[in-house]
Amino acid sequence: MRRIVEKSILTGLLSVFASLALSFIIVPLLGGQVAGAGLFMTIFCPLAISIPASALHFKRFLSTLRALLSLG
């Protein structure tokens, strides 16, 4: 379980990095600034979505792997 949490947090941090990179590239091209609520949402939303989703994914993957290994 500890490994799942570690991988999920790493996935969340990578998701935040990708979100920030896209925001800081695209928003200035459209004439805006990444600040205030936009910056908060750029950081918070990937964390709120990706950590639980990836934890569920990794947990289901391990369950499926164990089931396959028990078959033969």
C-alpha atoms as a PDB file:
ATOM      1  CA  MET A   1       0.000   0.000   0.000  1.00  0.00           C
ATOM      2  CA  ARG A   2       2.873   2.360   0.728  1.00  0.00           C
ATOM      3  CA  ARG A   3       4.209   1.874  -2.781  1.00  0.00           C
ATOM      4  CA  ILE A   4       0.804   2.745  -4.244  1.00  0.00           C
ATOM      5  CA  VAL A   5       0.676   5.979  -2.239  1.00  0.00           C
ATOM      6  CA  GLU A   6       4.209   6.905  -3.318  1.00  0.00           C
ATOM      7  CA  LYS A   7       3.451   6.265  -6.984  1.00  0.00           C
ATOM      8  CA  SER A   8       0.183   8.189  -6.737  1.00  0.00           C
ATOM      9  CA  ILE A   9       1.860  11.221  -5.201  1.00  0.00           C
ATOM     10  CA  LEU A  10       4.574  11.134  -7.860  1.00  0.00           C
ATOM     11  CA  THR A  11       1.897  10.942 -10.538  1.00  0.00           C
ATOM     12  CA  GLY A  12       0.130  13.912  -8.942  1.00  0.00           C
ATOM     13  CA  LEU A  13       3.309  15.981  -8.906  1.00  0.00           C
ATOM     14  CA  LEU A  14       4.004  15.160 -12.544  1.00  0.00           C
ATOM     15  CA  SER A  15       0.436  16.135 -13.358  1.00  0.00           C
ATOM     16  CA  VAL A  16       0.887  19.505 -11.634  1.00  0.00           C
ATOM     17  CA  PHE A  17       4.143  20.052 -13.528  1.00  0.00           C
ATOM     18  CA  ALA A  18       2.426  19.328 -16.857  1.00  0.00           C
ATOM     19  CA  SER A  19      -0.509  21.565 -15.955  1.00  0.00           C
ATOM     20  CA  LEU A  20       1.757  24.458 -14.978  1.00  0.00           C
ATOM     21  CA  ALA A  21       3.870  24.041 -18.095  1.00  0.00           C
ATOM     22  CA  LEU A  22       0.827  24.126 -20.356  1.00  0.00           C
ATOM     23  CA  SER A  23      -0.688  27.065 -18.507  1.00  0.00           C
ATOM     24  CA  PHE A  24       2.488  29.135 -18.634  1.00  0.00           C
ATOM     25  CA  ILE A  25       2.857  28.408 -22.360  1.00  0.00           C
ATOM     26  CA  ILE A  26      -0.727  28.797 -23.585  1.00  0.00           C
ATOM     27  CA  VAL A  27      -2.203  31.550 -21.383  1.00  0.00           C
ATOM     28  CA  PRO A  28       0.425  34.205 -22.297  1.00  0.00           C
ATOM     29  CA  LEU A  29      -0.055  33.370 -25.968  1.00  0.00           C
ATOM     30  CA  LEU A  30      -3.720  34.241 -25.526  1.00  0.00           C
ATOM     31  CA  GLY A  31      -2.807  37.536 -23.848  1.00  0.00           C
ATOM     32  CA  GLY A  32      -3.489  36.586 -20.242  1.00  0.00           C
ATOM     33  CA  GLN A  33      -1.584  36.014 -17.025  1.00  0.00           C
ATOM     34  CA  VAL A  34      -1.389  32.920 -14.877  1.00  0.00           C
ATOM     35  CA  ALA A  35      -2.214  34.420 -11.495  1.00  0.00           C
ATOM     36  CA  GLY A  36      -4.784  34.331  -8.722  1.00  0.00           C
ATOM     37  CA  ALA A  37      -7.567  31.801  -9.033  1.00  0.00           C
ATOM     38  CA  GLY A  38      -6.205  30.483 -12.331  1.00  0.00           C
ATOM     39  CA  LEU A  39      -2.878  29.642 -10.755  1.00  0.00           C
ATOM     40  CA  PHE A  40      -4.601  28.050  -7.769  1.00  0.00           C
ATOM     41  CA  MET A  41      -6.783  25.881 -10.022  1.00  0.00           C
ATOM     42  CA  THR A  42      -3.784  24.968 -12.173  1.00  0.00           C
ATOM     43  CA  ILE A  43      -2.138  23.506  -9.068  1.00  0.00           C
ATOM     44  CA  PHE A  44      -5.113  22.224  -7.059  1.00  0.00           C
ATOM     45  CA  CYS A  45      -7.189  20.477  -9.741  1.00  0.00           C
ATOM     46  CA  PRO A  46      -4.473  18.086 -10.973  1.00  0.00           C
ATOM     47  CA  LEU A  47      -3.685  17.129  -7.372  1.00  0.00           C
ATOM     48  CA  ALA A  48      -7.340  16.612  -6.456  1.00  0.00           C
ATOM     49  CA  ILE A  49      -8.009  14.490  -9.523  1.00  0.00           C
ATOM     50  CA  SER A  50      -4.809  12.612 -10.327  1.00  0.00           C
ATOM     51  CA  ILE A  51      -3.771  11.348  -6.890  1.00  0.00           C
ATOM     52  CA  PRO A  52      -7.001   9.484  -6.062  1.00  0.00           C
ATOM     53  CA  ALA A  53      -7.501   8.329  -9.660  1.00  0.00           C
ATOM     54  CA  SER A  54      -3.977   6.970  -9.983  1.00  0.00           C
ATOM     55  CA  ALA A  55      -4.175   5.327  -6.541  1.00  0.00           C
ATOM     56  CA  LEU A  56      -7.312   3.499  -7.632  1.00  0.00           C
ATOM     57  CA  HIS A  57      -5.671   2.542 -10.923  1.00  0.00           C
ATOM     58  CA  PHE A  58      -2.521   1.190  -9.251  1.00  0.00           C
ATOM     59  CA  LYS A  59      -4.572  -0.715  -6.668  1.00  0.00           C
ATOM     60  CA  ARG A  60      -6.746  -2.313  -9.349  1.00  0.00           C
ATOM     61  CA  PHE A  61      -3.657  -3.176 -11.363  1.00  0.00           C
ATOM     62  CA  LEU A  62      -2.116  -5.017  -8.409  1.00  0.00           C
ATOM     63  CA  SER A  63      -5.385  -6.853  -7.729  1.00  0.00           C
ATOM     64  CA  THR A  64      -5.593  -7.946 -11.359  1.00  0.00           C
ATOM     65  CA  LEU A  65      -1.944  -8.984 -11.386  1.00  0.00           C
ATOM     66  CA  ARG A  66      -2.397 -11.084  -8.253  1.00  0.00           C
ATOM     67  CA  ALA A  67      -5.479 -12.740  -9.710  1.00  0.00           C
ATOM     68  CA  LEU A  68      -3.633 -13.575 -12.931  1.00  0.00           C
ATOM     69  CA  LEU A  69      -0.676 -14.984 -11.021  1.00  0.00           C
ATOM     70  CA  SER A  70      -2.940 -17.169  -8.881  1.00  0.00           C
ATOM     71  CA  LEU A  71      -4.398 -18.758 -12.037  1.00  0.00           C
ATOM     72  CA  GLY A  72      -1.213 -20.302 -13.114  1.00  0.00           C
END
